[in-house]
Amino acid sequence: MAENQPRGPGEHTVTAAMIVIGNEILSGRVQDKNLNFIATRLNALGIRLTEARVVIDQHDAIVKAVNETRAAYDYVFTSGGIGPTHDDITADSVAAAFCVGIDHNPEAVAILEAHYQPGMLNEARLRMARIPDGAELVENPVSHAPGFRLENVYVFAGIPSIMQAMFESIRHQLIGGAPIQSIQVTSYLPEGVIAGPLGAIQADFPDLDMGSYPFYRGQRFGTTVVFRGTDEADLNAAAEAFRDIVRQNDQEPIDGEVS
């Protein structure tokens, strides 16, 4: 991607990556809730989340993930590691990835000073005002400690309510393509039966994403197939082709998922 600059709708598929940062995610102590939110919001904007990584709170690992993804995708979103404690090293790591300095940002300091009562803004809390040089602040309407953007990398907090509020504050900045639509068709046919015909449908519609998701309910095997893309006509045609496959196997296709 040239110069890390997102291009306009129709010029190419706009892509994004998410980096979830935190030992607590990898240990299983905390369940990540941010990835689903980001993926859903980006789909609506016509931005395809193409990769997601979960990274340990380790400087070199974060630097590597940021540098690899920012070069490969139009947008990169990180969550976690910008709090007041010693293991919150995301800001320093992002600064290192961009080879820029980091210091207390006067605007960020002013935001925290306005938020905390006199005498409550201690050294630990001031860590949250350390922002890489040249970064633009991202508003945090929940707890006020800002995130930031450096080129195509957006750095958010890990707490879901804060991360979501930060994303909403920058959503207007994101340039996407046509909204990504999806159609789900379910049948009580196992994957082994529909795999071949589905592969043929994929060959006929190479610009669509098609995923099959098997299930077992009520002592019956079945499969939900999800068709995703930006061309509504292709989506409808591919879905109908799969419905025909289901009917040819003496089953009735079900639009959506079965509960």
C-alpha atoms as a PDB file:
ATOM      1  CA  MET A   1       0.000   0.000   0.000  1.00  0.00           C
ATOM      2  CA  ALA A   2       1.614   3.220  -1.137  1.00  0.00           C
ATOM      3  CA  GLU A   3       2.497   5.747   1.558  1.00  0.00           C
ATOM      4  CA  ASN A   4      -0.013   4.263   4.041  1.00  0.00           C
ATOM      5  CA  GLN A   5      -2.745   6.493   2.648  1.00  0.00           C
ATOM      6  CA  PRO A   6      -6.264   5.053   2.334  1.00  0.00           C
ATOM      7  CA  ARG A   7      -7.754   5.523  -1.117  1.00  0.00           C
ATOM      8  CA  GLY A   8     -11.279   6.384  -2.051  1.00  0.00           C
ATOM      9  CA  PRO A   9     -14.258   4.086  -2.619  1.00  0.00           C
ATOM     10  CA  GLY A  10     -14.103   2.031  -5.797  1.00  0.00           C
ATOM     11  CA  GLU A  11     -10.326   2.273  -6.219  1.00  0.00           C
ATOM     12  CA  HIS A  12      -9.594  -0.905  -4.301  1.00  0.00           C
ATOM     13  CA  THR A  13     -10.888  -3.021  -1.471  1.00  0.00           C
ATOM     14  CA  VAL A  14     -10.287  -1.034   1.715  1.00  0.00           C
ATOM     15  CA  THR A  15      -8.735  -3.292   4.339  1.00  0.00           C
ATOM     16  CA  ALA A  16      -7.922  -3.200   8.035  1.00  0.00           C
ATOM     17  CA  ALA A  17      -6.164  -5.189  10.735  1.00  0.00           C
ATOM     18  CA  MET A  18      -6.803  -5.358  14.464  1.00  0.00           C
ATOM     19  CA  ILE A  19      -4.102  -5.887  17.083  1.00  0.00           C
ATOM     20  CA  VAL A  20      -5.419  -6.946  20.481  1.00  0.00           C
ATOM     21  CA  ILE A  21      -2.690  -6.327  23.054  1.00  0.00           C
ATOM     22  CA  GLY A  22      -2.557  -7.894  26.493  1.00  0.00           C
ATOM     23  CA  ASN A  23      -1.256 -10.826  28.485  1.00  0.00           C
ATOM     24  CA  GLU A  24      -4.680 -11.144  30.104  1.00  0.00           C
ATOM     25  CA  ILE A  25      -6.231 -12.038  26.732  1.00  0.00           C
ATOM     26  CA  LEU A  26      -3.644 -14.709  25.970  1.00  0.00           C
ATOM     27  CA  SER A  27      -3.901 -16.195  29.464  1.00  0.00           C
ATOM     28  CA  GLY A  28      -7.658 -16.538  29.167  1.00  0.00           C
ATOM     29  CA  ARG A  29      -8.309 -14.384  32.234  1.00  0.00           C
ATOM     30  CA  VAL A  30     -10.118 -11.795  30.109  1.00  0.00           C
ATOM     31  CA  GLN A  31     -12.240 -12.509  27.051  1.00  0.00           C
ATOM     32  CA  ASP A  32     -11.770 -10.061  24.193  1.00  0.00           C
ATOM     33  CA  LYS A  33     -14.964  -8.239  23.218  1.00  0.00           C
ATOM     34  CA  ASN A  34     -13.453  -5.635  20.932  1.00  0.00           C
ATOM     35  CA  LEU A  35     -12.803  -7.653  17.778  1.00  0.00           C
ATOM     36  CA  ASN A  36     -16.455  -8.344  17.035  1.00  0.00           C
ATOM     37  CA  PHE A  37     -17.345  -4.691  17.564  1.00  0.00           C
ATOM     38  CA  ILE A  38     -14.607  -3.458  15.220  1.00  0.00           C
ATOM     39  CA  ALA A  39     -15.412  -6.032  12.529  1.00  0.00           C
ATOM     40  CA  THR A  40     -19.120  -5.160  12.572  1.00  0.00           C
ATOM     41  CA  ARG A  41     -18.564  -1.407  12.462  1.00  0.00           C
ATOM     42  CA  LEU A  42     -15.975  -1.671   9.683  1.00  0.00           C
ATOM     43  CA  ASN A  43     -18.254  -3.847   7.554  1.00  0.00           C
ATOM     44  CA  ALA A  44     -20.888  -1.120   7.673  1.00  0.00           C
ATOM     45  CA  LEU A  45     -18.294   1.371   6.444  1.00  0.00           C
ATOM     46  CA  GLY A  46     -17.135  -0.824   3.563  1.00  0.00           C
ATOM     47  CA  ILE A  47     -13.816  -1.662   5.242  1.00  0.00           C
ATOM     48  CA  ARG A  48     -12.860  -5.321   5.306  1.00  0.00           C
ATOM     49  CA  LEU A  49     -11.176  -6.552   8.483  1.00  0.00           C
ATOM     50  CA  THR A  50      -8.643  -8.894   6.926  1.00  0.00           C
ATOM     51  CA  GLU A  51      -6.410  -9.837   9.847  1.00  0.00           C
ATOM     52  CA  ALA A  52      -6.541  -9.925  13.642  1.00  0.00           C
ATOM     53  CA  ARG A  53      -3.633 -10.607  15.993  1.00  0.00           C
ATOM     54  CA  VAL A  54      -3.446 -11.087  19.748  1.00  0.00           C
ATOM     55  CA  VAL A  55      -0.078  -9.857  21.012  1.00  0.00           C
ATOM     56  CA  ILE A  56       1.659 -10.190  24.364  1.00  0.00           C
ATOM     57  CA  ASP A  57       2.599  -7.100  26.391  1.00  0.00           C
ATOM     58  CA  GLN A  58       6.124  -7.201  25.027  1.00  0.00           C
ATOM     59  CA  HIS A  59       7.842  -4.293  23.274  1.00  0.00           C
ATOM     60  CA  ASP A  60       9.367  -6.116  20.316  1.00  0.00           C
ATOM     61  CA  ALA A  61       6.213  -8.147  19.672  1.00  0.00           C
ATOM     62  CA  ILE A  62       4.068  -5.004  19.514  1.00  0.00           C
ATOM     63  CA  VAL A  63       6.570  -3.167  17.307  1.00  0.00           C
ATOM     64  CA  LYS A  64       6.694  -6.107  14.901  1.00  0.00           C
ATOM     65  CA  ALA A  65       2.896  -6.430  14.718  1.00  0.00           C
ATOM     66  CA  VAL A  66       2.395  -2.694  14.151  1.00  0.00           C
ATOM     67  CA  ASN A  67       5.035  -2.424  11.447  1.00  0.00           C
ATOM     68  CA  GLU A  68       3.849  -5.496   9.561  1.00  0.00           C
ATOM     69  CA  THR A  69       0.182  -4.569   9.591  1.00  0.00           C
ATOM     70  CA  ARG A  70       0.510  -0.840   8.902  1.00  0.00           C
ATOM     71  CA  ALA A  71       2.465  -1.640   5.746  1.00  0.00           C
ATOM     72  CA  ALA A  72      -0.070  -4.215   4.553  1.00  0.00           C
ATOM     73  CA  TYR A  73      -3.451  -2.625   5.319  1.00  0.00           C
ATOM     74  CA  ASP A  74      -5.198   0.701   4.920  1.00  0.00           C
ATOM     75  CA  TYR A  75      -6.067   0.908   8.610  1.00  0.00           C
ATOM     76  CA  VAL A  76      -4.739  -0.674  11.798  1.00  0.00           C
ATOM     77  CA  PHE A  77      -6.568  -0.576  15.117  1.00  0.00           C
ATOM     78  CA  THR A  78      -4.960  -1.567  18.416  1.00  0.00           C
ATOM     79  CA  SER A  79      -6.695  -2.139  21.736  1.00  0.00           C
ATOM     80  CA  GLY A  80      -5.095  -2.347  25.154  1.00  0.00           C
ATOM     81  CA  GLY A  81      -1.946  -1.220  26.912  1.00  0.00           C
ATOM     82  CA  ILE A  82      -2.421   2.547  27.236  1.00  0.00           C
ATOM     83  CA  GLY A  83      -3.318   2.715  30.924  1.00  0.00           C
ATOM     84  CA  PRO A  84      -1.303   4.007  33.928  1.00  0.00           C
ATOM     85  CA  THR A  85       0.586   0.863  34.984  1.00  0.00           C
ATOM     86  CA  HIS A  86       4.095  -0.401  34.228  1.00  0.00           C
ATOM     87  CA  ASP A  87       2.905  -3.003  31.730  1.00  0.00           C
ATOM     88  CA  ASP A  88       1.016  -0.443  29.629  1.00  0.00           C
ATOM     89  CA  ILE A  89       3.678  -0.134  26.947  1.00  0.00           C
ATOM     90  CA  THR A  90       1.634   0.239  23.774  1.00  0.00           C
ATOM     91  CA  ALA A  91       2.308   3.967  23.314  1.00  0.00           C
ATOM     92  CA  ASP A  92       6.075   3.494  23.679  1.00  0.00           C
ATOM     93  CA  SER A  93       6.011   0.521  21.327  1.00  0.00           C
ATOM     94  CA  VAL A  94       4.040   2.363  18.651  1.00  0.00           C
ATOM     95  CA  ALA A  95       6.452   5.290  18.913  1.00  0.00           C
ATOM     96  CA  ALA A  96       9.335   2.865  18.398  1.00  0.00           C
ATOM     97  CA  ALA A  97       7.580   1.299  15.404  1.00  0.00           C
ATOM     98  CA  PHE A  98       7.413   4.731  13.755  1.00  0.00           C
ATOM     99  CA  CYS A  99      10.893   5.715  14.951  1.00  0.00           C
ATOM    100  CA  VAL A 100       9.610   8.844  16.700  1.00  0.00           C
ATOM    101  CA  GLY A 101       9.999  10.164  20.227  1.00  0.00           C
ATOM    102  CA  ILE A 102       7.389  10.087  22.967  1.00  0.00           C
ATOM    103  CA  ASP A 103       6.674  12.536  25.770  1.00  0.00           C
ATOM    104  CA  HIS A 104       3.863  14.101  27.776  1.00  0.00           C
ATOM    105  CA  ASN A 105       1.571  15.718  25.230  1.00  0.00           C
ATOM    106  CA  PRO A 106       0.476  19.177  26.464  1.00  0.00           C
ATOM    107  CA  GLU A 107      -3.054  18.755  25.116  1.00  0.00           C
ATOM    108  CA  ALA A 108      -3.394  15.326  26.728  1.00  0.00           C
ATOM    109  CA  VAL A 109      -2.050  16.670  30.024  1.00  0.00           C
ATOM    110  CA  ALA A 110      -4.603  19.490  29.927  1.00  0.00           C
ATOM    111  CA  ILE A 111      -7.413  16.987  29.349  1.00  0.00           C
ATOM    112  CA  LEU A 112      -6.355  14.958  32.381  1.00  0.00           C
ATOM    113  CA  GLU A 113      -5.889  18.062  34.540  1.00  0.00           C
ATOM    114  CA  ALA A 114      -9.438  19.132  33.727  1.00  0.00           C
ATOM    115  CA  HIS A 115     -10.778  15.668  34.520  1.00  0.00           C
ATOM    116  CA  TYR A 116      -9.088  14.908  37.849  1.00  0.00           C
ATOM    117  CA  GLN A 117      -9.613  16.755  41.104  1.00  0.00           C
ATOM    118  CA  PRO A 118      -6.635  18.840  42.293  1.00  0.00           C
ATOM    119  CA  GLY A 119      -3.937  16.578  43.686  1.00  0.00           C
ATOM    120  CA  MET A 120      -5.374  13.426  42.053  1.00  0.00           C
ATOM    121  CA  LEU A 121      -3.322  13.589  38.846  1.00  0.00           C
ATOM    122  CA  ASN A 122      -0.359  11.588  40.084  1.00  0.00           C
ATOM    123  CA  GLU A 123       2.677  10.357  38.152  1.00  0.00           C
ATOM    124  CA  ALA A 124       1.012   7.072  37.220  1.00  0.00           C
ATOM    125  CA  ARG A 125      -2.014   8.796  35.723  1.00  0.00           C
ATOM    126  CA  LEU A 126       0.241  11.221  33.853  1.00  0.00           C
ATOM    127  CA  ARG A 127       1.635   8.188  31.997  1.00  0.00           C
ATOM    128  CA  MET A 128      -1.625   8.200  30.065  1.00  0.00           C
ATOM    129  CA  ALA A 129      -0.657  11.604  28.593  1.00  0.00           C
ATOM    130  CA  ARG A 130       2.527  10.213  27.017  1.00  0.00           C
ATOM    131  CA  ILE A 131       1.843  10.374  23.281  1.00  0.00           C
ATOM    132  CA  PRO A 132       4.206   9.681  20.354  1.00  0.00           C
ATOM    133  CA  ASP A 133       5.529  12.769  18.597  1.00  0.00           C
ATOM    134  CA  GLY A 134       3.342  13.842  15.697  1.00  0.00           C
ATOM    135  CA  ALA A 135       0.309  11.804  16.768  1.00  0.00           C
ATOM    136  CA  GLU A 136      -3.225  13.153  16.736  1.00  0.00           C
ATOM    137  CA  LEU A 137      -5.277  12.590  19.882  1.00  0.00           C
ATOM    138  CA  VAL A 138      -8.362  10.380  19.829  1.00  0.00           C
ATOM    139  CA  GLU A 139     -11.169  11.567  22.090  1.00  0.00           C
ATOM    140  CA  ASN A 140     -12.127   9.417  25.064  1.00  0.00           C
ATOM    141  CA  PRO A 141     -15.543  10.606  26.291  1.00  0.00           C
ATOM    142  CA  VAL A 142     -15.735   7.892  28.968  1.00  0.00           C
ATOM    143  CA  SER A 143     -12.607   8.144  31.141  1.00  0.00           C
ATOM    144  CA  HIS A 144     -11.012  11.076  29.252  1.00  0.00           C
ATOM    145  CA  ALA A 145      -7.468   9.655  28.890  1.00  0.00           C
ATOM    146  CA  PRO A 146      -7.053   9.951  25.105  1.00  0.00           C
ATOM    147  CA  GLY A 147      -6.006   7.436  22.531  1.00  0.00           C
ATOM    148  CA  PHE A 148      -4.109   8.563  19.464  1.00  0.00           C
ATOM    149  CA  ARG A 149      -3.602   8.150  15.732  1.00  0.00           C
ATOM    150  CA  LEU A 150      -0.251   8.009  13.978  1.00  0.00           C
ATOM    151  CA  GLU A 151      -0.627   7.825  10.193  1.00  0.00           C
ATOM    152  CA  ASN A 152      -2.939   4.840   9.544  1.00  0.00           C
ATOM    153  CA  VAL A 153      -2.638   3.341  13.049  1.00  0.00           C
ATOM    154  CA  TYR A 154      -5.351   4.064  15.635  1.00  0.00           C
ATOM    155  CA  VAL A 155      -4.502   3.231  19.248  1.00  0.00           C
ATOM    156  CA  PHE A 156      -7.454   2.586  21.561  1.00  0.00           C
ATOM    157  CA  ALA A 157      -7.933   1.508  25.161  1.00  0.00           C
ATOM    158  CA  GLY A 158      -8.715  -2.137  25.894  1.00  0.00           C
ATOM    159  CA  ILE A 159     -11.792  -1.664  28.098  1.00  0.00           C
ATOM    160  CA  PRO A 160     -14.675  -2.341  25.678  1.00  0.00           C
ATOM    161  CA  SER A 161     -16.873   0.628  26.637  1.00  0.00           C
ATOM    162  CA  ILE A 162     -13.930   3.011  26.235  1.00  0.00           C
ATOM    163  CA  MET A 163     -12.641   1.396  23.040  1.00  0.00           C
ATOM    164  CA  GLN A 164     -16.077   1.596  21.472  1.00  0.00           C
ATOM    165  CA  ALA A 165     -16.478   5.260  22.403  1.00  0.00           C
ATOM    166  CA  MET A 166     -13.035   6.027  20.958  1.00  0.00           C
ATOM    167  CA  PHE A 167     -13.922   4.289  17.716  1.00  0.00           C
ATOM    168  CA  GLU A 168     -17.170   6.218  17.389  1.00  0.00           C
ATOM    169  CA  SER A 169     -15.246   9.471  17.853  1.00  0.00           C
ATOM    170  CA  ILE A 170     -13.033   8.764  14.803  1.00  0.00           C
ATOM    171  CA  ARG A 171     -15.483   6.853  12.621  1.00  0.00           C
ATOM    172  CA  HIS A 172     -16.074   9.915  10.437  1.00  0.00           C
ATOM    173  CA  GLN A 173     -12.373   9.906   9.493  1.00  0.00           C
ATOM    174  CA  LEU A 174     -12.477   6.462   7.910  1.00  0.00           C
ATOM    175  CA  ILE A 175     -12.814   6.158   4.146  1.00  0.00           C
ATOM    176  CA  GLY A 176     -14.338   2.895   3.022  1.00  0.00           C
ATOM    177  CA  GLY A 177     -15.716   1.320  -0.107  1.00  0.00           C
ATOM    178  CA  ALA A 178     -19.146  -0.110  -0.785  1.00  0.00           C
ATOM    179  CA  PRO A 179     -20.745  -1.590   2.354  1.00  0.00           C
ATOM    180  CA  ILE A 180     -20.089  -5.296   2.753  1.00  0.00           C
ATOM    181  CA  GLN A 181     -23.325  -7.274   2.653  1.00  0.00           C
ATOM    182  CA  SER A 182     -23.987 -10.860   3.621  1.00  0.00           C
ATOM    183  CA  ILE A 183     -26.540 -13.607   3.023  1.00  0.00           C
ATOM    184  CA  GLN A 184     -26.803 -16.740   5.152  1.00  0.00           C
ATOM    185  CA  VAL A 185     -28.376 -19.950   3.913  1.00  0.00           C
ATOM    186  CA  THR A 186     -28.720 -22.994   6.175  1.00  0.00           C
ATOM    187  CA  SER A 187     -29.443 -26.603   5.345  1.00  0.00           C
ATOM    188  CA  TYR A 188     -29.501 -29.908   7.173  1.00  0.00           C
ATOM    189  CA  LEU A 189     -26.777 -31.219   4.882  1.00  0.00           C
ATOM    190  CA  PRO A 190     -23.324 -32.013   6.258  1.00  0.00           C
ATOM    191  CA  GLU A 191     -20.268 -30.199   4.903  1.00  0.00           C
ATOM    192  CA  GLY A 192     -19.082 -33.291   3.099  1.00  0.00           C
ATOM    193  CA  VAL A 193     -22.169 -33.186   0.862  1.00  0.00           C
ATOM    194  CA  ILE A 194     -22.071 -29.480  -0.012  1.00  0.00           C
ATOM    195  CA  ALA A 195     -18.286 -28.994  -0.217  1.00  0.00           C
ATOM    196  CA  GLY A 196     -17.900 -29.853  -3.901  1.00  0.00           C
ATOM    197  CA  PRO A 197     -20.870 -27.871  -5.213  1.00  0.00           C
ATOM    198  CA  LEU A 198     -19.975 -24.915  -2.982  1.00  0.00           C
ATOM    199  CA  GLY A 199     -16.460 -24.908  -4.418  1.00  0.00           C
ATOM    200  CA  ALA A 200     -17.946 -24.691  -7.901  1.00  0.00           C
ATOM    201  CA  ILE A 201     -20.114 -21.733  -6.854  1.00  0.00           C
ATOM    202  CA  GLN A 202     -17.032 -20.027  -5.428  1.00  0.00           C
ATOM    203  CA  ALA A 203     -15.264 -20.480  -8.755  1.00  0.00           C
ATOM    204  CA  ASP A 204     -18.193 -18.802 -10.515  1.00  0.00           C
ATOM    205  CA  PHE A 205     -18.145 -15.860  -8.084  1.00  0.00           C
ATOM    206  CA  PRO A 206     -14.468 -15.277  -7.210  1.00  0.00           C
ATOM    207  CA  ASP A 207     -15.078 -11.808  -5.751  1.00  0.00           C
ATOM    208  CA  LEU A 208     -17.349 -13.142  -3.011  1.00  0.00           C
ATOM    209  CA  ASP A 209     -16.287 -14.610   0.315  1.00  0.00           C
ATOM    210  CA  MET A 210     -18.027 -17.888   1.051  1.00  0.00           C
ATOM    211  CA  GLY A 211     -17.699 -19.671   4.363  1.00  0.00           C
ATOM    212  CA  SER A 212     -19.339 -22.892   5.559  1.00  0.00           C
ATOM    213  CA  TYR A 213     -20.075 -23.411   9.245  1.00  0.00           C
ATOM    214  CA  PRO A 214     -21.162 -26.899  10.329  1.00  0.00           C
ATOM    215  CA  PHE A 215     -23.413 -27.549  13.308  1.00  0.00           C
ATOM    216  CA  TYR A 216     -25.098 -30.421  15.119  1.00  0.00           C
ATOM    217  CA  ARG A 217     -28.571 -29.807  16.525  1.00  0.00           C
ATOM    218  CA  GLY A 218     -31.399 -32.114  17.421  1.00  0.00           C
ATOM    219  CA  GLN A 219     -29.280 -35.117  16.459  1.00  0.00           C
ATOM    220  CA  ARG A 220     -28.905 -33.741  12.945  1.00  0.00           C
ATOM    221  CA  PHE A 221     -25.856 -32.425  11.122  1.00  0.00           C
ATOM    222  CA  GLY A 222     -26.174 -29.282   9.068  1.00  0.00           C
ATOM    223  CA  THR A 223     -24.265 -26.389   7.565  1.00  0.00           C
ATOM    224  CA  THR A 224     -24.785 -22.653   7.404  1.00  0.00           C
ATOM    225  CA  VAL A 225     -23.153 -21.006   4.407  1.00  0.00           C
ATOM    226  CA  VAL A 226     -22.381 -17.290   4.575  1.00  0.00           C
ATOM    227  CA  PHE A 227     -21.905 -15.286   1.373  1.00  0.00           C
ATOM    228  CA  ARG A 228     -20.193 -11.899   1.780  1.00  0.00           C
ATOM    229  CA  GLY A 229     -19.416  -9.185  -0.734  1.00  0.00           C
ATOM    230  CA  THR A 230     -20.240  -5.758  -2.096  1.00  0.00           C
ATOM    231  CA  ASP A 231     -22.137  -6.743  -5.262  1.00  0.00           C
ATOM    232  CA  GLU A 232     -25.767  -7.410  -4.365  1.00  0.00           C
ATOM    233  CA  ALA A 233     -26.566  -9.121  -7.651  1.00  0.00           C
ATOM    234  CA  ASP A 234     -23.677 -11.565  -7.271  1.00  0.00           C
ATOM    235  CA  LEU A 235     -24.640 -12.250  -3.673  1.00  0.00           C
ATOM    236  CA  ASN A 236     -28.203 -13.086  -4.608  1.00  0.00           C
ATOM    237  CA  ALA A 237     -27.133 -15.242  -7.540  1.00  0.00           C
ATOM    238  CA  ALA A 238     -24.594 -17.205  -5.480  1.00  0.00           C
ATOM    239  CA  ALA A 239     -27.052 -17.733  -2.643  1.00  0.00           C
ATOM    240  CA  GLU A 240     -29.737 -18.935  -5.047  1.00  0.00           C
ATOM    241  CA  ALA A 241     -27.274 -21.321  -6.675  1.00  0.00           C
ATOM    242  CA  PHE A 242     -26.601 -22.822  -3.265  1.00  0.00           C
ATOM    243  CA  ARG A 243     -30.323 -23.052  -2.501  1.00  0.00           C
ATOM    244  CA  ASP A 244     -30.673 -25.066  -5.707  1.00  0.00           C
ATOM    245  CA  ILE A 245     -27.966 -27.452  -4.486  1.00  0.00           C
ATOM    246  CA  VAL A 246     -29.882 -27.948  -1.243  1.00  0.00           C
ATOM    247  CA  ARG A 247     -33.122 -28.656  -3.112  1.00  0.00           C
ATOM    248  CA  GLN A 248     -31.348 -31.141  -5.363  1.00  0.00           C
ATOM    249  CA  ASN A 249     -30.481 -33.058  -2.195  1.00  0.00           C
ATOM    250  CA  ASP A 250     -34.145 -33.243  -1.178  1.00  0.00           C
ATOM    251  CA  GLN A 251     -33.823 -30.582   1.497  1.00  0.00           C
ATOM    252  CA  GLU A 252     -35.432 -27.182   1.835  1.00  0.00           C
ATOM    253  CA  PRO A 253     -32.985 -24.273   2.282  1.00  0.00           C
ATOM    254  CA  ILE A 254     -33.465 -22.024   5.304  1.00  0.00           C
ATOM    255  CA  ASP A 255     -32.600 -18.341   5.024  1.00  0.00           C
ATOM    256  CA  GLY A 256     -30.525 -17.294   8.019  1.00  0.00           C
ATOM    257  CA  GLU A 257     -29.340 -19.496  10.848  1.00  0.00           C
ATOM    258  CA  VAL A 258     -31.285 -22.109  12.799  1.00  0.00           C
ATOM    259  CA  SER A 259     -31.488 -21.594  16.541  1.00  0.00           C
END
